[in-house]
């Protein structure tokens, strides 16, 4: 049971870190792109 709970906790924590990491990365990259005047469609197709 303990290993099952640990595996499940690892999955949930991993997903949480993935979502937060992607959010920070996209936020930083998108802001840098907008500073160079790149369109939203281009940002969506590439950086985001």
ModelCIF file with pLDDT and N, C-alpha, C, O atoms, coordinates in Angstrom:
data_MODEL
#
_entry.id   MODEL 
#
_entity.id                         1 
_entity.type                       polymer 
_entity.pdbx_number_of_molecules   1 
#
_entity_poly.entity_id                      1 
_entity_poly.type                           'polypeptide(L)' 
_entity_poly.nstd_linkage                   no 
_entity_poly.nstd_monomer                   no 
_entity_poly.pdbx_seq_one_letter_code       
;(UNK)(UNK)(UNK)(UNK)(UNK)(UNK)(UNK)(UNK)(UNK)(UNK)(UNK)(UNK)(UNK)(UNK)(UNK)(UNK)
(UNK)(UNK)(UNK)(UNK)(UNK)(UNK)(UNK)(UNK)(UNK)(UNK)(UNK)(UNK)(UNK)(UNK)(UNK)(UNK)
(UNK)(UNK)(UNK)(UNK)(UNK)(UNK)(UNK)(UNK)(UNK)(UNK)(UNK)(UNK)(UNK)(UNK)(UNK)(UNK)
;
_entity_poly.pdbx_seq_one_letter_code_can   XXXXXXXXXXXXXXXXXXXXXXXXXXXXXXXXXXXXXXXXXXXXXXXX 
_entity_poly.pdbx_strand_id                 A 
#
loop_
_entity_poly_seq.entity_id 
_entity_poly_seq.num 
_entity_poly_seq.mon_id 
_entity_poly_seq.hetero 
1 1  UNK n 
1 2  UNK n 
1 3  UNK n 
1 4  UNK n 
1 5  UNK n 
1 6  UNK n 
1 7  UNK n 
1 8  UNK n 
1 9  UNK n 
1 10 UNK n 
1 11 UNK n 
1 12 UNK n 
1 13 UNK n 
1 14 UNK n 
1 15 UNK n 
1 16 UNK n 
1 17 UNK n 
1 18 UNK n 
1 19 UNK n 
1 20 UNK n 
1 21 UNK n 
1 22 UNK n 
1 23 UNK n 
1 24 UNK n 
1 25 UNK n 
1 26 UNK n 
1 27 UNK n 
1 28 UNK n 
1 29 UNK n 
1 30 UNK n 
1 31 UNK n 
1 32 UNK n 
1 33 UNK n 
1 34 UNK n 
1 35 UNK n 
1 36 UNK n 
1 37 UNK n 
1 38 UNK n 
1 39 UNK n 
1 40 UNK n 
1 41 UNK n 
1 42 UNK n 
1 43 UNK n 
1 44 UNK n 
1 45 UNK n 
1 46 UNK n 
1 47 UNK n 
1 48 UNK n 
#
_struct_asym.id          A 
_struct_asym.entity_id   1 
#
loop_
_ma_qa_metric.id 
_ma_qa_metric.mode 
_ma_qa_metric.name 
_ma_qa_metric.software_group_id 
_ma_qa_metric.type 
1 global pLDDT . pLDDT 
2 local  pLDDT . pLDDT 
#
_ma_qa_metric_global.metric_id      1 
_ma_qa_metric_global.metric_value   77.54 
_ma_qa_metric_global.model_id       1 
_ma_qa_metric_global.ordinal_id     1 
#
loop_
_ma_qa_metric_local.label_asym_id 
_ma_qa_metric_local.label_comp_id 
_ma_qa_metric_local.label_seq_id 
_ma_qa_metric_local.metric_id 
_ma_qa_metric_local.metric_value 
_ma_qa_metric_local.model_id 
_ma_qa_metric_local.ordinal_id 
A UNK 1  2 78.00 1 1  
A UNK 2  2 81.00 1 2  
A UNK 3  2 80.00 1 3  
A UNK 4  2 81.00 1 4  
A UNK 5  2 85.00 1 5  
A UNK 6  2 85.00 1 6  
A UNK 7  2 83.00 1 7  
A UNK 8  2 85.00 1 8  
A UNK 9  2 88.00 1 9  
A UNK 10 2 86.00 1 10 
A UNK 11 2 84.00 1 11 
A UNK 12 2 87.00 1 12 
A UNK 13 2 89.00 1 13 
A UNK 14 2 83.00 1 14 
A UNK 15 2 81.00 1 15 
A UNK 16 2 84.00 1 16 
A UNK 17 2 84.00 1 17 
A UNK 18 2 75.00 1 18 
A UNK 19 2 75.00 1 19 
A UNK 20 2 82.00 1 20 
A UNK 21 2 76.00 1 21 
A UNK 22 2 68.00 1 22 
A UNK 23 2 72.00 1 23 
A UNK 24 2 79.00 1 24 
A UNK 25 2 69.00 1 25 
A UNK 26 2 67.00 1 26 
A UNK 27 2 73.00 1 27 
A UNK 28 2 74.00 1 28 
A UNK 29 2 66.00 1 29 
A UNK 30 2 68.00 1 30 
A UNK 31 2 75.00 1 31 
A UNK 32 2 69.00 1 32 
A UNK 33 2 69.00 1 33 
A UNK 34 2 73.00 1 34 
A UNK 35 2 75.00 1 35 
A UNK 36 2 74.00 1 36 
A UNK 37 2 79.00 1 37 
A UNK 38 2 76.00 1 38 
A UNK 39 2 75.00 1 39 
A UNK 40 2 69.00 1 40 
A UNK 41 2 76.00 1 41 
A UNK 42 2 81.00 1 42 
A UNK 43 2 76.00 1 43 
A UNK 44 2 75.00 1 44 
A UNK 45 2 80.00 1 45 
A UNK 46 2 80.00 1 46 
A UNK 47 2 76.00 1 47 
A UNK 48 2 76.00 1 48 
#
loop_
_atom_site.group_PDB 
_atom_site.id 
_atom_site.type_symbol 
_atom_site.label_atom_id 
_atom_site.label_alt_id 
_atom_site.label_comp_id 
_atom_site.label_asym_id 
_atom_site.label_entity_id 
_atom_site.label_seq_id 
_atom_site.pdbx_PDB_ins_code 
_atom_site.Cartn_x 
_atom_site.Cartn_y 
_atom_site.Cartn_z 
_atom_site.occupancy 
_atom_site.B_iso_or_equiv 
_atom_site.pdbx_formal_charge 
_atom_site.auth_seq_id 
_atom_site.auth_comp_id 
_atom_site.auth_asym_id 
_atom_site.auth_atom_id 
_atom_site.pdbx_PDB_model_num 
ATOM 1   N N  . UNK A 1 1  ? 0.822  -1.207 0.000   1.00 78.00 ? 1  UNK A N  1 
ATOM 2   C CA . UNK A 1 1  ? 0.000  0.000  0.000   1.00 78.00 ? 1  UNK A CA 1 
ATOM 3   C C  . UNK A 1 1  ? 0.857  1.258  0.000   1.00 78.00 ? 1  UNK A C  1 
ATOM 4   O O  . UNK A 1 1  ? 0.540  2.228  -0.688  1.00 78.00 ? 1  UNK A O  1 
ATOM 5   N N  . UNK A 1 2  ? 1.942  1.245  0.770   1.00 81.00 ? 2  UNK A N  1 
ATOM 6   C CA . UNK A 1 2  ? 2.792  2.440  0.847   1.00 81.00 ? 2  UNK A CA 1 
ATOM 7   C C  . UNK A 1 2  ? 3.431  2.755  -0.498  1.00 81.00 ? 2  UNK A C  1 
ATOM 8   O O  . UNK A 1 2  ? 3.496  3.913  -0.908  1.00 81.00 ? 2  UNK A O  1 
ATOM 9   N N  . UNK A 1 3  ? 3.906  1.713  -1.183  1.00 80.00 ? 3  UNK A N  1 
ATOM 10  C CA . UNK A 1 3  ? 4.528  1.939  -2.491  1.00 80.00 ? 3  UNK A CA 1 
ATOM 11  C C  . UNK A 1 3  ? 3.491  2.398  -3.509  1.00 80.00 ? 3  UNK A C  1 
ATOM 12  O O  . UNK A 1 3  ? 3.786  3.225  -4.372  1.00 80.00 ? 3  UNK A O  1 
ATOM 13  N N  . UNK A 1 4  ? 2.262  1.854  -3.407  1.00 81.00 ? 4  UNK A N  1 
ATOM 14  C CA . UNK A 1 4  ? 1.186  2.296  -4.299  1.00 81.00 ? 4  UNK A CA 1 
ATOM 15  C C  . UNK A 1 4  ? 0.891  3.779  -4.089  1.00 81.00 ? 4  UNK A C  1 
ATOM 16  O O  . UNK A 1 4  ? 0.759  4.534  -5.052  1.00 81.00 ? 4  UNK A O  1 
ATOM 17  N N  . UNK A 1 5  ? 0.789  4.193  -2.821  1.00 85.00 ? 5  UNK A N  1 
ATOM 18  C CA . UNK A 1 5  ? 0.530  5.593  -2.507  1.00 85.00 ? 5  UNK A CA 1 
ATOM 19  C C  . UNK A 1 5  ? 1.685  6.478  -2.963  1.00 85.00 ? 5  UNK A C  1 
ATOM 20  O O  . UNK A 1 5  ? 1.472  7.591  -3.443  1.00 85.00 ? 5  UNK A O  1 
ATOM 21  N N  . UNK A 1 6  ? 2.916  5.972  -2.809  1.00 85.00 ? 6  UNK A N  1 
ATOM 22  C CA . UNK A 1 6  ? 4.087  6.749  -3.227  1.00 85.00 ? 6  UNK A CA 1 
ATOM 23  C C  . UNK A 1 6  ? 4.107  6.937  -4.744  1.00 85.00 ? 6  UNK A C  1 
ATOM 24  O O  . UNK A 1 6  ? 4.430  8.018  -5.238  1.00 85.00 ? 6  UNK A O  1 
ATOM 25  N N  . UNK A 1 7  ? 3.759  5.876  -5.480  1.00 83.00 ? 7  UNK A N  1 
ATOM 26  C CA . UNK A 1 7  ? 3.721  5.974  -6.942  1.00 83.00 ? 7  UNK A CA 1 
ATOM 27  C C  . UNK A 1 7  ? 2.652  6.964  -7.393  1.00 83.00 ? 7  UNK A C  1 
ATOM 28  O O  . UNK A 1 7  ? 2.885  7.779  -8.286  1.00 83.00 ? 7  UNK A O  1 
ATOM 29  N N  . UNK A 1 8  ? 1.472  6.887  -6.764  1.00 85.00 ? 8  UNK A N  1 
ATOM 30  C CA . UNK A 1 8  ? 0.387  7.798  -7.111  1.00 85.00 ? 8  UNK A CA 1 
ATOM 31  C C  . UNK A 1 8  ? 0.759  9.235  -6.769  1.00 85.00 ? 8  UNK A C  1 
ATOM 32  O O  . UNK A 1 8  ? 0.475  10.156 -7.535  1.00 85.00 ? 8  UNK A O  1 
ATOM 33  N N  . UNK A 1 9  ? 1.398  9.422  -5.611  1.00 88.00 ? 9  UNK A N  1 
ATOM 34  C CA . UNK A 1 9  ? 1.833  10.761 -5.224  1.00 88.00 ? 9  UNK A CA 1 
ATOM 35  C C  . UNK A 1 9  ? 2.878  11.304 -6.191  1.00 88.00 ? 9  UNK A C  1 
ATOM 36  O O  . UNK A 1 9  ? 2.880  12.492 -6.513  1.00 88.00 ? 9  UNK A O  1 
ATOM 37  N N  . UNK A 1 10 ? 3.779  10.412 -6.660  1.00 86.00 ? 10 UNK A N  1 
ATOM 38  C CA . UNK A 1 10 ? 4.785  10.830 -7.629  1.00 86.00 ? 10 UNK A CA 1 
ATOM 39  C C  . UNK A 1 10 ? 4.162  11.288 -8.938  1.00 86.00 ? 10 UNK A C  1 
ATOM 40  O O  . UNK A 1 10 ? 4.603  12.272 -9.531  1.00 86.00 ? 10 UNK A O  1 
ATOM 41  N N  . UNK A 1 11 ? 3.124  10.563 -9.391  1.00 84.00 ? 11 UNK A N  1 
ATOM 42  C CA . UNK A 1 11 ? 2.428  10.946 -10.621 1.00 84.00 ? 11 UNK A CA 1 
ATOM 43  C C  . UNK A 1 11 ? 1.775  12.319 -10.471 1.00 84.00 ? 11 UNK A C  1 
ATOM 44  O O  . UNK A 1 11 ? 1.917  13.182 -11.338 1.00 84.00 ? 11 UNK A O  1 
ATOM 45  N N  . UNK A 1 12 ? 1.053  12.513 -9.355  1.00 87.00 ? 12 UNK A N  1 
ATOM 46  C CA . UNK A 1 12 ? 0.353  13.785 -9.138  1.00 87.00 ? 12 UNK A CA 1 
ATOM 47  C C  . UNK A 1 12 ? 1.334  14.945 -8.987  1.00 87.00 ? 12 UNK A C  1 
ATOM 48  O O  . UNK A 1 12 ? 1.116  16.027 -9.533  1.00 87.00 ? 12 UNK A O  1 
ATOM 49  N N  . UNK A 1 13 ? 2.423  14.710 -8.236  1.00 89.00 ? 13 UNK A N  1 
ATOM 50  C CA . UNK A 1 13 ? 3.423  15.765 -8.059  1.00 89.00 ? 13 UNK A CA 1 
ATOM 51  C C  . UNK A 1 13 ? 4.120  16.069 -9.381  1.00 89.00 ? 13 UNK A C  1 
ATOM 52  O O  . UNK A 1 13 ? 4.387  17.228 -9.699  1.00 89.00 ? 13 UNK A O  1 
ATOM 53  N N  . UNK A 1 14 ? 4.416  15.009 -10.154 1.00 83.00 ? 14 UNK A N  1 
ATOM 54  C CA . UNK A 1 14 ? 5.040  15.206 -11.456 1.00 83.00 ? 14 UNK A CA 1 
ATOM 55  C C  . UNK A 1 14 ? 4.167  16.020 -12.393 1.00 83.00 ? 14 UNK A C  1 
ATOM 56  O O  . UNK A 1 14 ? 4.651  16.918 -13.082 1.00 83.00 ? 14 UNK A O  1 
ATOM 57  N N  . UNK A 1 15 ? 2.865  15.702 -12.418 1.00 81.00 ? 15 UNK A N  1 
ATOM 58  C CA . UNK A 1 15 ? 1.927  16.454 -13.256 1.00 81.00 ? 15 UNK A CA 1 
ATOM 59  C C  . UNK A 1 15 ? 1.864  17.916 -12.829 1.00 81.00 ? 15 UNK A C  1 
ATOM 60  O O  . UNK A 1 15 ? 1.831  18.824 -13.659 1.00 81.00 ? 15 UNK A O  1 
ATOM 61  N N  . UNK A 1 16 ? 1.846  18.122 -11.506 1.00 84.00 ? 16 UNK A N  1 
ATOM 62  C CA . UNK A 1 16 ? 1.807  19.491 -11.008 1.00 84.00 ? 16 UNK A CA 1 
ATOM 63  C C  . UNK A 1 16 ? 3.034  20.293 -11.412 1.00 84.00 ? 16 UNK A C  1 
ATOM 64  O O  . UNK A 1 16 ? 2.919  21.449 -11.818 1.00 84.00 ? 16 UNK A O  1 
ATOM 65  N N  . UNK A 1 17 ? 4.206  19.682 -11.301 1.00 84.00 ? 17 UNK A N  1 
ATOM 66  C CA . UNK A 1 17 ? 5.435  20.364 -11.705 1.00 84.00 ? 17 UNK A CA 1 
ATOM 67  C C  . UNK A 1 17 ? 5.465  20.632 -13.205 1.00 84.00 ? 17 UNK A C  1 
ATOM 68  O O  . UNK A 1 17 ? 5.953  21.672 -13.645 1.00 84.00 ? 17 UNK A O  1 
ATOM 69  N N  . UNK A 1 18 ? 4.935  19.676 -13.998 1.00 75.00 ? 18 UNK A N  1 
ATOM 70  C CA . UNK A 1 18 ? 4.887  19.865 -15.447 1.00 75.00 ? 18 UNK A CA 1 
ATOM 71  C C  . UNK A 1 18 ? 4.007  21.057 -15.819 1.00 75.00 ? 18 UNK A C  1 
ATOM 72  O O  . UNK A 1 18 ? 4.386  21.890 -16.643 1.00 75.00 ? 18 UNK A O  1 
ATOM 73  N N  . UNK A 1 19 ? 2.829  21.124 -15.202 1.00 75.00 ? 19 UNK A N  1 
ATOM 74  C CA . UNK A 1 19 ? 1.905  22.224 -15.506 1.00 75.00 ? 19 UNK A CA 1 
ATOM 75  C C  . UNK A 1 19 ? 2.511  23.563 -15.088 1.00 75.00 ? 19 UNK A C  1 
ATOM 76  O O  . UNK A 1 19 ? 2.482  24.527 -15.852 1.00 75.00 ? 19 UNK A O  1 
ATOM 77  N N  . UNK A 1 20 ? 3.061  23.620 -13.866 1.00 82.00 ? 20 UNK A N  1 
ATOM 78  C CA . UNK A 1 20 ? 3.651  24.874 -13.378 1.00 82.00 ? 20 UNK A CA 1 
ATOM 79  C C  . UNK A 1 20 ? 4.866  25.260 -14.203 1.00 82.00 ? 20 UNK A C  1 
ATOM 80  O O  . UNK A 1 20 ? 5.040  26.428 -14.551 1.00 82.00 ? 20 UNK A O  1 
ATOM 81  N N  . UNK A 1 21 ? 5.715  24.274 -14.520 1.00 76.00 ? 21 UNK A N  1 
ATOM 82  C CA . UNK A 1 21 ? 6.901  24.567 -15.319 1.00 76.00 ? 21 UNK A CA 1 
ATOM 83  C C  . UNK A 1 21 ? 6.557  25.074 -16.708 1.00 76.00 ? 21 UNK A C  1 
ATOM 84  O O  . UNK A 1 21 ? 7.172  26.020 -17.201 1.00 76.00 ? 21 UNK A O  1 
ATOM 85  N N  . UNK A 1 22 ? 5.563  24.436 -17.347 1.00 68.00 ? 22 UNK A N  1 
ATOM 86  C CA . UNK A 1 22 ? 5.148  24.882 -18.676 1.00 68.00 ? 22 UNK A CA 1 
ATOM 87  C C  . UNK A 1 22 ? 4.562  26.291 -18.620 1.00 68.00 ? 22 UNK A C  1 
ATOM 88  O O  . UNK A 1 22 ? 4.784  27.102 -19.520 1.00 68.00 ? 22 UNK A O  1 
ATOM 89  N N  . UNK A 1 23 ? 3.811  26.572 -17.554 1.00 72.00 ? 23 UNK A N  1 
ATOM 90  C CA . UNK A 1 23 ? 3.213  27.906 -17.418 1.00 72.00 ? 23 UNK A CA 1 
ATOM 91  C C  . UNK A 1 23 ? 4.285  28.975 -17.301 1.00 72.00 ? 23 UNK A C  1 
ATOM 92  O O  . UNK A 1 23 ? 4.206  30.015 -17.955 1.00 72.00 ? 23 UNK A O  1 
ATOM 93  N N  . UNK A 1 24 ? 5.292  28.721 -16.466 1.00 79.00 ? 24 UNK A N  1 
ATOM 94  C CA . UNK A 1 24 ? 6.367  29.694 -16.305 1.00 79.00 ? 24 UNK A CA 1 
ATOM 95  C C  . UNK A 1 24 ? 7.159  29.866 -17.593 1.00 79.00 ? 24 UNK A C  1 
ATOM 96  O O  . UNK A 1 24 ? 7.516  30.980 -17.976 1.00 79.00 ? 24 UNK A O  1 
ATOM 97  N N  . UNK A 1 25 ? 7.426  28.742 -18.254 1.00 69.00 ? 25 UNK A N  1 
ATOM 98  C CA . UNK A 1 25 ? 8.220  28.813 -19.475 1.00 69.00 ? 25 UNK A CA 1 
ATOM 99  C C  . UNK A 1 25 ? 7.481  29.573 -20.572 1.00 69.00 ? 25 UNK A C  1 
ATOM 100 O O  . UNK A 1 25 ? 8.056  30.441 -21.228 1.00 69.00 ? 25 UNK A O  1 
ATOM 101 N N  . UNK A 1 26 ? 6.204  29.245 -20.769 1.00 67.00 ? 26 UNK A N  1 
ATOM 102 C CA . UNK A 1 26 ? 5.411  29.917 -21.802 1.00 67.00 ? 26 UNK A CA 1 
ATOM 103 C C  . UNK A 1 26 ? 5.249  31.396 -21.479 1.00 67.00 ? 26 UNK A C  1 
ATOM 104 O O  . UNK A 1 26 ? 5.338  32.245 -22.365 1.00 67.00 ? 26 UNK A O  1 
ATOM 105 N N  . UNK A 1 27 ? 5.010  31.704 -20.195 1.00 73.00 ? 27 UNK A N  1 
ATOM 106 C CA . UNK A 1 27 ? 4.837  33.102 -19.794 1.00 73.00 ? 27 UNK A CA 1 
ATOM 107 C C  . UNK A 1 27 ? 6.084  33.918 -20.100 1.00 73.00 ? 27 UNK A C  1 
ATOM 108 O O  . UNK A 1 27 ? 6.004  35.002 -20.678 1.00 73.00 ? 27 UNK A O  1 
ATOM 109 N N  . UNK A 1 28 ? 7.246  33.382 -19.705 1.00 74.00 ? 28 UNK A N  1 
ATOM 110 C CA . UNK A 1 28 ? 8.487  34.103 -19.956 1.00 74.00 ? 28 UNK A CA 1 
ATOM 111 C C  . UNK A 1 28 ? 8.806  34.231 -21.431 1.00 74.00 ? 28 UNK A C  1 
ATOM 112 O O  . UNK A 1 28 ? 9.208  35.298 -21.893 1.00 74.00 ? 28 UNK A O  1 
ATOM 113 N N  . UNK A 1 29 ? 8.628  33.140 -22.179 1.00 66.00 ? 29 UNK A N  1 
ATOM 114 C CA . UNK A 1 29 ? 8.942  33.156 -23.613 1.00 66.00 ? 29 UNK A CA 1 
ATOM 115 C C  . UNK A 1 29 ? 7.985  34.062 -24.383 1.00 66.00 ? 29 UNK A C  1 
ATOM 116 O O  . UNK A 1 29 ? 8.407  34.794 -25.278 1.00 66.00 ? 29 UNK A O  1 
ATOM 117 N N  . UNK A 1 30 ? 6.696  34.015 -24.036 1.00 68.00 ? 30 UNK A N  1 
ATOM 118 C CA . UNK A 1 30 ? 5.709  34.840 -24.741 1.00 68.00 ? 30 UNK A CA 1 
ATOM 119 C C  . UNK A 1 30 ? 5.966  36.322 -24.502 1.00 68.00 ? 30 UNK A C  1 
ATOM 120 O O  . UNK A 1 30 ? 5.843  37.135 -25.418 1.00 68.00 ? 30 UNK A O  1 
ATOM 121 N N  . UNK A 1 31 ? 6.325  36.671 -23.268 1.00 75.00 ? 31 UNK A N  1 
ATOM 122 C CA . UNK A 1 31 ? 6.594  38.071 -22.959 1.00 75.00 ? 31 UNK A CA 1 
ATOM 123 C C  . UNK A 1 31 ? 7.809  38.567 -23.739 1.00 75.00 ? 31 UNK A C  1 
ATOM 124 O O  . UNK A 1 31 ? 7.813  39.690 -24.243 1.00 75.00 ? 31 UNK A O  1 
ATOM 125 N N  . UNK A 1 32 ? 8.840  37.725 -23.837 1.00 69.00 ? 32 UNK A N  1 
ATOM 126 C CA . UNK A 1 32 ? 10.008 38.125 -24.622 1.00 69.00 ? 32 UNK A CA 1 
ATOM 127 C C  . UNK A 1 32 ? 9.657  38.279 -26.100 1.00 69.00 ? 32 UNK A C  1 
ATOM 128 O O  . UNK A 1 32 ? 10.168 39.169 -26.779 1.00 69.00 ? 32 UNK A O  1 
ATOM 129 N N  . UNK A 1 33 ? 8.766  37.387 -26.599 1.00 69.00 ? 33 UNK A N  1 
ATOM 130 C CA . UNK A 1 33 ? 8.371  37.472 -28.004 1.00 69.00 ? 33 UNK A CA 1 
ATOM 131 C C  . UNK A 1 33 ? 7.593  38.747 -28.283 1.00 69.00 ? 33 UNK A C  1 
ATOM 132 O O  . UNK A 1 33 ? 7.804  39.396 -29.307 1.00 69.00 ? 33 UNK A O  1 
ATOM 133 N N  . UNK A 1 34 ? 6.688  39.111 -27.371 1.00 73.00 ? 34 UNK A N  1 
ATOM 134 C CA . UNK A 1 34 ? 5.879  40.313 -27.580 1.00 73.00 ? 34 UNK A CA 1 
ATOM 135 C C  . UNK A 1 34 ? 6.743  41.568 -27.584 1.00 73.00 ? 34 UNK A C  1 
ATOM 136 O O  . UNK A 1 34 ? 6.420  42.552 -28.250 1.00 73.00 ? 34 UNK A O  1 
ATOM 137 N N  . UNK A 1 35 ? 7.831  41.529 -26.846 1.00 75.00 ? 35 UNK A N  1 
ATOM 138 C CA . UNK A 1 35 ? 8.738  42.676 -26.829 1.00 75.00 ? 35 UNK A CA 1 
ATOM 139 C C  . UNK A 1 35 ? 9.366  42.897 -28.200 1.00 75.00 ? 35 UNK A C  1 
ATOM 140 O O  . UNK A 1 35 ? 9.806  44.001 -28.520 1.00 75.00 ? 35 UNK A O  1 
ATOM 141 N N  . UNK A 1 36 ? 9.404  41.826 -29.015 1.00 74.00 ? 36 UNK A N  1 
ATOM 142 C CA . UNK A 1 36 ? 9.945  41.939 -30.371 1.00 74.00 ? 36 UNK A CA 1 
ATOM 143 C C  . UNK A 1 36 ? 8.845  42.105 -31.421 1.00 74.00 ? 36 UNK A C  1 
ATOM 144 O O  . UNK A 1 36 ? 9.128  42.085 -32.619 1.00 74.00 ? 36 UNK A O  1 
ATOM 145 N N  . UNK A 1 37 ? 7.578  42.271 -30.976 1.00 79.00 ? 37 UNK A N  1 
ATOM 146 C CA . UNK A 1 37 ? 6.478  42.534 -31.895 1.00 79.00 ? 37 UNK A CA 1 
ATOM 147 C C  . UNK A 1 37 ? 6.025  41.344 -32.722 1.00 79.00 ? 37 UNK A C  1 
ATOM 148 O O  . UNK A 1 37 ? 5.602  41.520 -33.865 1.00 79.00 ? 37 UNK A O  1 
ATOM 149 N N  . UNK A 1 38 ? 6.103  40.129 -32.171 1.00 76.00 ? 38 UNK A N  1 
ATOM 150 C CA . UNK A 1 38 ? 5.666  38.923 -32.895 1.00 76.00 ? 38 UNK A CA 1 
ATOM 151 C C  . UNK A 1 38 ? 4.163  38.756 -32.731 1.00 76.00 ? 38 UNK A C  1 
ATOM 152 O O  . UNK A 1 38 ? 3.632  39.028 -31.653 1.00 76.00 ? 38 UNK A O  1 
ATOM 153 N N  . UNK A 1 39 ? 3.452  38.308 -33.792 1.00 75.00 ? 39 UNK A N  1 
ATOM 154 C CA . UNK A 1 39 ? 1.997  38.169 -33.761 1.00 75.00 ? 39 UNK A CA 1 
ATOM 155 C C  . UNK A 1 39 ? 1.560  37.024 -32.861 1.00 75.00 ? 39 UNK A C  1 
ATOM 156 O O  . UNK A 1 39 ? 2.348  36.133 -32.544 1.00 75.00 ? 39 UNK A O  1 
ATOM 157 N N  . UNK A 1 40 ? 0.270  37.056 -32.444 1.00 69.00 ? 40 UNK A N  1 
ATOM 158 C CA . UNK A 1 40 ? -0.267 36.020 -31.566 1.00 69.00 ? 40 UNK A CA 1 
ATOM 159 C C  . UNK A 1 40 ? -0.277 34.654 -32.245 1.00 69.00 ? 40 UNK A C  1 
ATOM 160 O O  . UNK A 1 40 ? 0.022  33.646 -31.605 1.00 69.00 ? 40 UNK A O  1 
ATOM 161 N N  . UNK A 1 41 ? -0.620 34.606 -33.543 1.00 76.00 ? 41 UNK A N  1 
ATOM 162 C CA . UNK A 1 41 ? -0.653 33.331 -34.252 1.00 76.00 ? 41 UNK A CA 1 
ATOM 163 C C  . UNK A 1 41 ? 0.742  32.709 -34.304 1.00 76.00 ? 41 UNK A C  1 
ATOM 164 O O  . UNK A 1 41 ? 0.907  31.506 -34.101 1.00 76.00 ? 41 UNK A O  1 
ATOM 165 N N  . UNK A 1 42 ? 1.739  33.547 -34.581 1.00 81.00 ? 42 UNK A N  1 
ATOM 166 C CA . UNK A 1 42 ? 3.112  33.053 -34.620 1.00 81.00 ? 42 UNK A CA 1 
ATOM 167 C C  . UNK A 1 42 ? 3.546  32.560 -33.247 1.00 81.00 ? 42 UNK A C  1 
ATOM 168 O O  . UNK A 1 42 ? 4.200  31.523 -33.132 1.00 81.00 ? 42 UNK A O  1 
ATOM 169 N N  . UNK A 1 43 ? 3.182  33.307 -32.204 1.00 76.00 ? 43 UNK A N  1 
ATOM 170 C CA . UNK A 1 43 ? 3.505  32.876 -30.843 1.00 76.00 ? 43 UNK A CA 1 
ATOM 171 C C  . UNK A 1 43 ? 2.833  31.542 -30.535 1.00 76.00 ? 43 UNK A C  1 
ATOM 172 O O  . UNK A 1 43 ? 3.447  30.652 -29.947 1.00 76.00 ? 43 UNK A O  1 
ATOM 173 N N  . UNK A 1 44 ? 1.567  31.406 -30.937 1.00 75.00 ? 44 UNK A N  1 
ATOM 174 C CA . UNK A 1 44 ? 0.835  30.170 -30.670 1.00 75.00 ? 44 UNK A CA 1 
ATOM 175 C C  . UNK A 1 44 ? 1.434  28.970 -31.380 1.00 75.00 ? 44 UNK A C  1 
ATOM 176 O O  . UNK A 1 44 ? 1.544  27.887 -30.806 1.00 75.00 ? 44 UNK A O  1 
ATOM 177 N N  . UNK A 1 45 ? 1.822  29.171 -32.638 1.00 80.00 ? 45 UNK A N  1 
ATOM 178 C CA . UNK A 1 45 ? 2.361  28.066 -33.439 1.00 80.00 ? 45 UNK A CA 1 
ATOM 179 C C  . UNK A 1 45 ? 3.786  27.696 -33.066 1.00 80.00 ? 45 UNK A C  1 
ATOM 180 O O  . UNK A 1 45 ? 4.238  26.590 -33.362 1.00 80.00 ? 45 UNK A O  1 
ATOM 181 N N  . UNK A 1 46 ? 4.490  28.599 -32.426 1.00 80.00 ? 46 UNK A N  1 
ATOM 182 C CA . UNK A 1 46 ? 5.911  28.343 -32.143 1.00 80.00 ? 46 UNK A CA 1 
ATOM 183 C C  . UNK A 1 46 ? 6.205  28.287 -30.651 1.00 80.00 ? 46 UNK A C  1 
ATOM 184 O O  . UNK A 1 46 ? 6.322  27.200 -30.085 1.00 80.00 ? 46 UNK A O  1 
ATOM 185 N N  . UNK A 1 47 ? 6.325  29.446 -30.007 1.00 76.00 ? 47 UNK A N  1 
ATOM 186 C CA . UNK A 1 47 ? 6.761  29.479 -28.615 1.00 76.00 ? 47 UNK A CA 1 
ATOM 187 C C  . UNK A 1 47 ? 5.777  28.788 -27.673 1.00 76.00 ? 47 UNK A C  1 
ATOM 188 O O  . UNK A 1 47 ? 6.175  27.960 -26.853 1.00 76.00 ? 47 UNK A O  1 
ATOM 189 N N  . UNK A 1 48 ? 4.476  29.133 -27.793 1.00 76.00 ? 48 UNK A N  1 
ATOM 190 C CA . UNK A 1 48 ? 3.488  28.524 -26.904 1.00 76.00 ? 48 UNK A CA 1 
ATOM 191 C C  . UNK A 1 48 ? 3.359  27.035 -27.199 1.00 76.00 ? 48 UNK A C  1 
ATOM 192 O O  . UNK A 1 48 ? 2.573  26.343 -26.551 1.00 76.00 ? 48 UNK A O  1 
#
